[in-house]
Amino acid sequence: MAADLVEGELSIDGLRRTFGVRPPRRQHAPLVVVLHGNQGPSATERLMYDWTSFARHADEWGIGVAYPDGWEGCWADGRGVTTADEAGVDDIAFLRAVIGWCAAQFDTQDDRAVVTGISNGAFMSHRMALEAGDRVAVFAAVAGGLPEALTGIRPGHAVSAMLINGDADPVVPITGGYSRHLGPNGESRGGTRGLAESARYWRELDGCTGPGETVTTDRSTRTTVSQGVGGTVVSEWTVFGGGHTWPGTPVPERWAGSPGSAVSLEFDAAEQIWRFAEPLLLSADARKL
């Protein structure tokens, strides 16, 4: 265990759920909740602690950081294809409880958390934004579009969104698609929307009416639209040549050279997520739809 992590445990629907927290160094600090991808039941390490720079910058940014552990190494993100989804695990309740636990233990803000993740964790961040907008002010999904199964949800709060996808991601294509986990008869399932469609959905949901601003470099392009309900903002970021990876940090050594392992070092996703989120930590009351 990392020396700066406090271990936490909760019982949700009779299941023992665990998480680690890098506590903030000041009172009433923002909380960033970082969700791993589908690691499988044998994974034991806190991948996102090592793979992202949130903990290393926590004191500088004045934040607390939570690293929850998915059930059997995965999240019930609503697509219906993970072990957690198939078992009926209530990850919304778990992540709500983590936010509440941190508020009680460390006085972090309980109605304006930032939730971010990659892959299965990115899909779960979409779900948290839709179903727990009274607790989540900003979410950032890396390599994971909006699950089609969630599009019928009518949330009560606007949530700012940063969506990041590589255009060379073979696992979660930037144009959207289906899970690699086929149904019992070989049918496709677990459909997700692409980057552009997902961003359009969130702009419409949040009521973003700004003209939009696009910044393009030789390695990426980013379009941001503001003036949503309560000041919410939606940003979509295409990483040219980027794979199923977290921009700014090389992939873990065991994945190097595998399909989709190309990573952009143009920017640090954690740093950009925090810069985006910091001015958008609006209260739940301000973001009511």
Protein backbone atom coordinates (compact mmCIF):
# COMPACT_ATOMS: atom_id res chain seq x y z
CA MET A 1 0.00 0.00 0.00
CA ALA A 2 1.22 3.51 -0.81
CA ALA A 3 2.36 5.29 2.34
CA ASP A 4 0.09 8.29 1.77
CA LEU A 5 -3.11 6.27 1.28
CA VAL A 6 -5.70 5.73 3.99
CA GLU A 7 -7.58 2.47 3.51
CA GLY A 8 -11.37 2.48 3.78
CA GLU A 9 -14.02 -0.23 3.82
CA LEU A 10 -17.80 -0.10 3.47
CA SER A 11 -20.59 -2.64 3.39
CA ILE A 12 -22.96 -2.10 0.45
CA ASP A 13 -25.87 -4.53 0.07
CA GLY A 14 -23.92 -7.00 2.18
CA LEU A 15 -20.80 -6.79 0.01
CA ARG A 16 -17.44 -5.72 1.45
CA ARG A 17 -16.21 -2.81 -0.66
CA THR A 18 -12.76 -1.29 -0.34
CA PHE A 19 -11.02 1.89 -1.42
CA GLY A 20 -7.97 4.02 -0.72
CA VAL A 21 -7.91 7.77 -0.11
CA ARG A 22 -5.08 10.23 -0.43
CA PRO A 23 -6.41 12.74 2.17
CA PRO A 24 -6.37 16.46 1.45
CA ARG A 25 -4.13 18.73 3.48
CA ARG A 26 -6.81 21.36 4.01
CA GLN A 27 -10.45 21.50 5.07
CA HIS A 28 -13.39 21.58 2.65
CA ALA A 29 -11.20 20.47 -0.22
CA PRO A 30 -12.54 19.12 -3.52
CA LEU A 31 -12.53 15.34 -3.96
CA VAL A 32 -11.41 13.56 -7.14
CA VAL A 33 -12.63 9.96 -7.51
CA VAL A 34 -10.46 7.94 -9.91
CA LEU A 35 -11.89 4.73 -11.45
CA HIS A 36 -9.78 1.95 -12.97
CA GLY A 37 -10.72 -0.06 -16.04
CA ASN A 38 -11.79 -3.71 -16.04
CA GLN A 39 -8.78 -5.32 -14.36
CA GLY A 40 -10.29 -8.75 -13.76
CA PRO A 41 -10.69 -10.53 -10.41
CA SER A 42 -6.99 -11.34 -9.98
CA ALA A 43 -5.79 -7.73 -9.93
CA THR A 44 -4.53 -6.56 -6.56
CA GLU A 45 -2.71 -3.30 -7.22
CA ARG A 46 -4.23 0.20 -7.25
CA LEU A 47 -3.39 0.83 -10.88
CA MET A 48 -4.74 4.39 -11.10
CA TYR A 49 -2.64 5.57 -8.17
CA ASP A 50 0.49 4.74 -10.14
CA TRP A 51 -0.80 5.44 -13.64
CA THR A 52 -2.14 8.96 -13.02
CA SER A 53 -0.54 12.00 -11.40
CA PHE A 54 -3.47 13.06 -9.17
CA ALA A 55 -1.79 11.91 -5.93
CA ARG A 56 1.55 13.48 -6.86
CA HIS A 57 -0.14 16.87 -7.39
CA ALA A 58 -2.72 16.57 -4.60
CA ASP A 59 -1.07 19.04 -2.22
CA GLU A 60 -0.30 21.50 -5.03
CA TRP A 61 -3.92 21.37 -6.25
CA GLY A 62 -5.45 21.24 -2.78
CA ILE A 63 -7.50 18.09 -3.41
CA GLY A 64 -8.30 14.75 -1.85
CA VAL A 65 -8.14 11.70 -4.14
CA ALA A 66 -10.14 8.48 -3.78
CA TYR A 67 -9.25 5.21 -5.51
CA PRO A 68 -12.21 2.82 -5.19
CA ASP A 69 -11.87 -0.88 -6.00
CA GLY A 70 -14.36 -2.35 -8.45
CA TRP A 71 -16.22 -5.56 -7.61
CA GLU A 72 -14.18 -8.50 -8.96
CA GLY A 73 -11.99 -5.86 -10.61
CA CYS A 74 -14.73 -4.16 -12.61
CA TRP A 75 -17.67 -1.74 -12.47
CA ALA A 76 -21.41 -2.11 -13.06
CA ASP A 77 -21.35 0.64 -15.66
CA GLY A 78 -24.79 -0.06 -17.13
CA ARG A 79 -23.71 -1.81 -20.33
CA GLY A 80 -24.68 -5.18 -18.90
CA VAL A 81 -21.45 -6.94 -19.89
CA THR A 82 -19.19 -6.87 -16.81
CA THR A 83 -19.12 -9.31 -13.92
CA ALA A 84 -20.35 -6.54 -11.62
CA ASP A 85 -23.25 -5.66 -13.93
CA GLU A 86 -24.28 -9.29 -14.30
CA ALA A 87 -24.17 -9.75 -10.51
CA GLY A 88 -26.41 -6.71 -9.96
CA VAL A 89 -23.78 -4.83 -7.96
CA ASP A 90 -24.90 -1.32 -6.95
CA ASP A 91 -21.82 0.74 -7.76
CA ILE A 92 -23.79 3.99 -7.69
CA ALA A 93 -24.52 3.35 -4.02
CA PHE A 94 -20.89 2.40 -3.38
CA LEU A 95 -19.39 5.48 -5.03
CA ARG A 96 -21.95 7.74 -3.36
CA ALA A 97 -20.93 6.19 -0.06
CA VAL A 98 -17.22 6.77 -0.80
CA ILE A 99 -17.93 10.46 -1.43
CA GLY A 100 -19.94 10.64 1.79
CA TRP A 101 -17.28 8.78 3.78
CA CYS A 102 -14.57 11.18 2.60
CA ALA A 103 -16.75 14.17 3.51
CA ALA A 104 -17.29 12.77 7.01
CA GLN A 105 -13.65 11.77 7.57
CA PHE A 106 -11.78 14.57 5.81
CA ASP A 107 -14.34 17.37 5.33
CA THR A 108 -14.19 17.15 1.54
CA GLN A 109 -17.00 18.71 -0.48
CA ASP A 110 -19.87 16.24 -0.77
CA ASP A 111 -21.96 17.81 -3.55
CA ARG A 112 -19.31 18.69 -6.13
CA ALA A 113 -16.96 15.74 -6.57
CA VAL A 114 -14.94 15.14 -9.73
CA VAL A 115 -15.27 11.57 -11.06
CA THR A 116 -12.90 10.31 -13.72
CA GLY A 117 -11.86 6.97 -15.15
CA ILE A 118 -10.59 5.02 -18.11
CA SER A 119 -12.38 2.36 -20.17
CA ASN A 120 -14.83 0.52 -17.84
CA GLY A 121 -14.11 3.33 -15.34
CA ALA A 122 -14.92 5.91 -18.01
CA PHE A 123 -18.29 4.27 -18.72
CA MET A 124 -18.92 4.24 -14.97
CA SER A 125 -18.11 7.95 -14.75
CA HIS A 126 -20.85 8.65 -17.31
CA ARG A 127 -23.25 6.64 -15.17
CA MET A 128 -22.28 8.49 -11.99
CA ALA A 129 -22.81 11.84 -13.71
CA LEU A 130 -26.29 10.77 -14.83
CA GLU A 131 -27.45 9.08 -11.63
CA ALA A 132 -25.54 10.97 -8.93
CA GLY A 133 -25.39 14.52 -10.25
CA ASP A 134 -26.28 15.80 -6.79
CA ARG A 135 -22.84 14.57 -5.73
CA VAL A 136 -20.83 14.94 -8.95
CA ALA A 137 -20.16 18.37 -10.46
CA VAL A 138 -17.64 17.31 -13.13
CA PHE A 139 -16.74 14.04 -14.79
CA ALA A 140 -13.97 13.11 -17.19
CA ALA A 141 -14.14 9.97 -19.31
CA VAL A 142 -10.93 8.74 -20.93
CA ALA A 143 -11.37 6.06 -23.62
CA GLY A 144 -15.03 5.48 -22.89
CA GLY A 145 -18.14 6.95 -24.52
CA LEU A 146 -21.71 7.11 -23.26
CA PRO A 147 -23.32 3.66 -22.88
CA GLU A 148 -26.46 3.43 -25.01
CA ALA A 149 -28.30 1.72 -22.15
CA LEU A 150 -28.04 4.91 -20.07
CA THR A 151 -29.55 7.30 -22.60
CA GLY A 152 -33.06 6.92 -21.19
CA ILE A 153 -32.04 8.29 -17.78
CA ARG A 154 -33.33 11.77 -17.03
CA PRO A 155 -30.94 13.31 -14.50
CA GLY A 156 -31.85 16.02 -12.07
CA HIS A 157 -28.59 17.96 -12.35
CA ALA A 158 -26.29 19.27 -15.06
CA VAL A 159 -22.72 17.98 -14.85
CA SER A 160 -19.70 19.38 -16.71
CA ALA A 161 -17.96 16.82 -18.93
CA MET A 162 -14.51 16.31 -20.38
CA LEU A 163 -14.40 13.45 -22.89
CA ILE A 164 -11.03 12.19 -24.21
CA ASN A 165 -10.53 9.50 -26.86
CA GLY A 166 -7.66 8.39 -29.05
CA ASP A 167 -8.51 7.99 -32.73
CA ALA A 168 -6.41 4.79 -32.88
CA ASP A 169 -8.12 3.04 -29.96
CA PRO A 170 -9.02 -0.50 -31.08
CA VAL A 171 -10.75 -1.40 -27.80
CA VAL A 172 -13.18 1.52 -27.55
CA PRO A 173 -13.21 3.10 -31.02
CA ILE A 174 -13.66 6.85 -31.15
CA THR A 175 -16.71 6.30 -33.37
CA GLY A 176 -18.40 4.07 -30.79
CA GLY A 177 -19.33 0.41 -31.02
CA TYR A 178 -19.95 -2.65 -28.88
CA SER A 179 -18.25 -4.56 -26.11
CA ARG A 180 -15.85 -7.36 -26.96
CA HIS A 181 -17.93 -9.56 -24.62
CA LEU A 182 -20.51 -11.12 -26.93
CA GLY A 183 -23.87 -12.48 -25.88
CA PRO A 184 -24.63 -16.21 -25.47
CA ASN A 185 -25.48 -16.54 -29.15
CA GLY A 186 -22.56 -14.45 -30.36
CA GLU A 187 -24.61 -11.28 -30.59
CA SER A 188 -23.12 -7.82 -30.08
CA ARG A 189 -24.05 -6.07 -26.84
CA GLY A 190 -22.96 -3.27 -24.54
CA GLY A 191 -23.21 -0.55 -27.20
CA THR A 192 -21.57 2.83 -26.58
CA ARG A 193 -21.68 6.12 -28.43
CA GLY A 194 -18.63 7.66 -30.03
CA LEU A 195 -16.82 10.76 -28.84
CA ALA A 196 -18.75 13.26 -30.99
CA GLU A 197 -22.14 11.70 -30.21
CA SER A 198 -21.38 11.50 -26.50
CA ALA A 199 -20.29 15.15 -26.40
CA ARG A 200 -23.43 16.19 -28.29
CA TYR A 201 -25.60 14.31 -25.80
CA TRP A 202 -23.99 16.05 -22.83
CA ARG A 203 -24.15 19.48 -24.45
CA GLU A 204 -27.86 19.04 -25.07
CA LEU A 205 -28.50 17.66 -21.59
CA ASP A 206 -26.58 20.51 -19.93
CA GLY A 207 -28.12 23.12 -22.23
CA CYS A 208 -24.76 24.45 -23.43
CA THR A 209 -25.44 27.43 -25.70
CA GLY A 210 -21.97 28.93 -26.11
CA PRO A 211 -20.44 29.32 -29.58
CA GLY A 212 -17.75 26.74 -28.91
CA GLU A 213 -13.99 27.07 -29.07
CA THR A 214 -11.67 24.66 -30.88
CA VAL A 215 -7.94 24.37 -30.31
CA THR A 216 -5.99 22.10 -32.67
CA THR A 217 -2.34 21.07 -32.54
CA ASP A 218 -0.44 18.56 -34.63
CA ARG A 219 -1.27 15.89 -32.03
CA SER A 220 -4.82 16.60 -30.88
CA THR A 221 -7.94 18.72 -31.28
CA ARG A 222 -10.24 19.92 -28.51
CA THR A 223 -13.64 21.60 -28.75
CA THR A 224 -15.22 23.20 -25.68
CA VAL A 225 -18.77 24.54 -25.40
CA SER A 226 -19.86 26.54 -22.36
CA GLN A 227 -22.88 28.41 -20.98
CA GLY A 228 -24.70 25.31 -19.76
CA VAL A 229 -27.09 25.20 -16.80
CA GLY A 230 -25.35 26.62 -13.74
CA GLY A 231 -22.28 27.42 -15.83
CA THR A 232 -21.57 23.85 -16.91
CA VAL A 233 -19.15 23.15 -19.78
CA VAL A 234 -18.60 20.21 -22.14
CA SER A 235 -15.23 19.52 -23.78
CA GLU A 236 -14.38 16.78 -26.32
CA TRP A 237 -10.75 15.97 -27.01
CA THR A 238 -9.48 13.80 -29.86
CA VAL A 239 -5.95 12.46 -29.44
CA PHE A 240 -4.36 11.80 -32.83
CA GLY A 241 -2.81 8.33 -32.88
CA GLY A 242 -3.81 7.72 -29.27
CA GLY A 243 -4.71 4.21 -28.20
CA HIS A 244 -6.58 2.77 -25.23
CA THR A 245 -4.38 4.73 -22.88
CA TRP A 246 -4.16 7.60 -20.38
CA PRO A 247 -2.49 10.61 -22.06
CA GLY A 248 0.63 11.88 -20.37
CA THR A 249 1.75 8.63 -18.74
CA PRO A 250 3.35 5.59 -20.41
CA VAL A 251 1.31 2.41 -20.12
CA PRO A 252 2.28 -0.14 -17.47
CA GLU A 253 5.21 -2.24 -18.67
CA ARG A 254 3.13 -5.41 -19.01
CA TRP A 255 0.95 -3.69 -21.66
CA ALA A 256 3.77 -2.14 -23.68
CA GLY A 257 3.60 -3.18 -27.31
CA SER A 258 0.09 -4.60 -27.07
CA PRO A 259 -2.65 -3.44 -29.50
CA GLY A 260 -3.93 -0.02 -28.50
CA SER A 261 -0.94 0.80 -26.27
CA ALA A 262 0.08 3.96 -28.17
CA VAL A 263 0.08 6.86 -25.72
CA SER A 264 0.27 10.60 -26.32
CA LEU A 265 2.66 12.55 -24.12
CA GLU A 266 1.48 15.91 -25.45
CA PHE A 267 -0.44 16.59 -22.24
CA ASP A 268 -1.03 15.05 -18.83
CA ALA A 269 -4.70 14.03 -18.72
CA ALA A 270 -4.84 14.35 -14.93
CA GLU A 271 -3.52 17.90 -15.04
CA GLN A 272 -5.89 18.91 -17.83
CA ILE A 273 -8.86 17.31 -16.07
CA TRP A 274 -8.13 19.27 -12.90
CA ARG A 275 -7.60 22.56 -14.79
CA PHE A 276 -10.94 21.99 -16.51
CA ALA A 277 -12.75 20.99 -13.33
CA GLU A 278 -11.45 23.52 -10.81
CA PRO A 279 -13.58 26.52 -11.93
CA LEU A 280 -16.63 24.28 -12.47
CA LEU A 281 -17.09 22.89 -8.95
CA LEU A 282 -20.61 24.25 -8.65
CA SER A 283 -23.05 23.28 -5.91
CA ALA A 284 -25.83 20.81 -6.63
CA ASP A 285 -28.42 23.56 -6.17
CA ALA A 286 -26.76 25.67 -8.87
CA ARG A 287 -26.87 22.77 -11.35
CA LYS A 288 -30.49 21.67 -10.97
CA LEU A 289 -32.25 20.91 -14.24
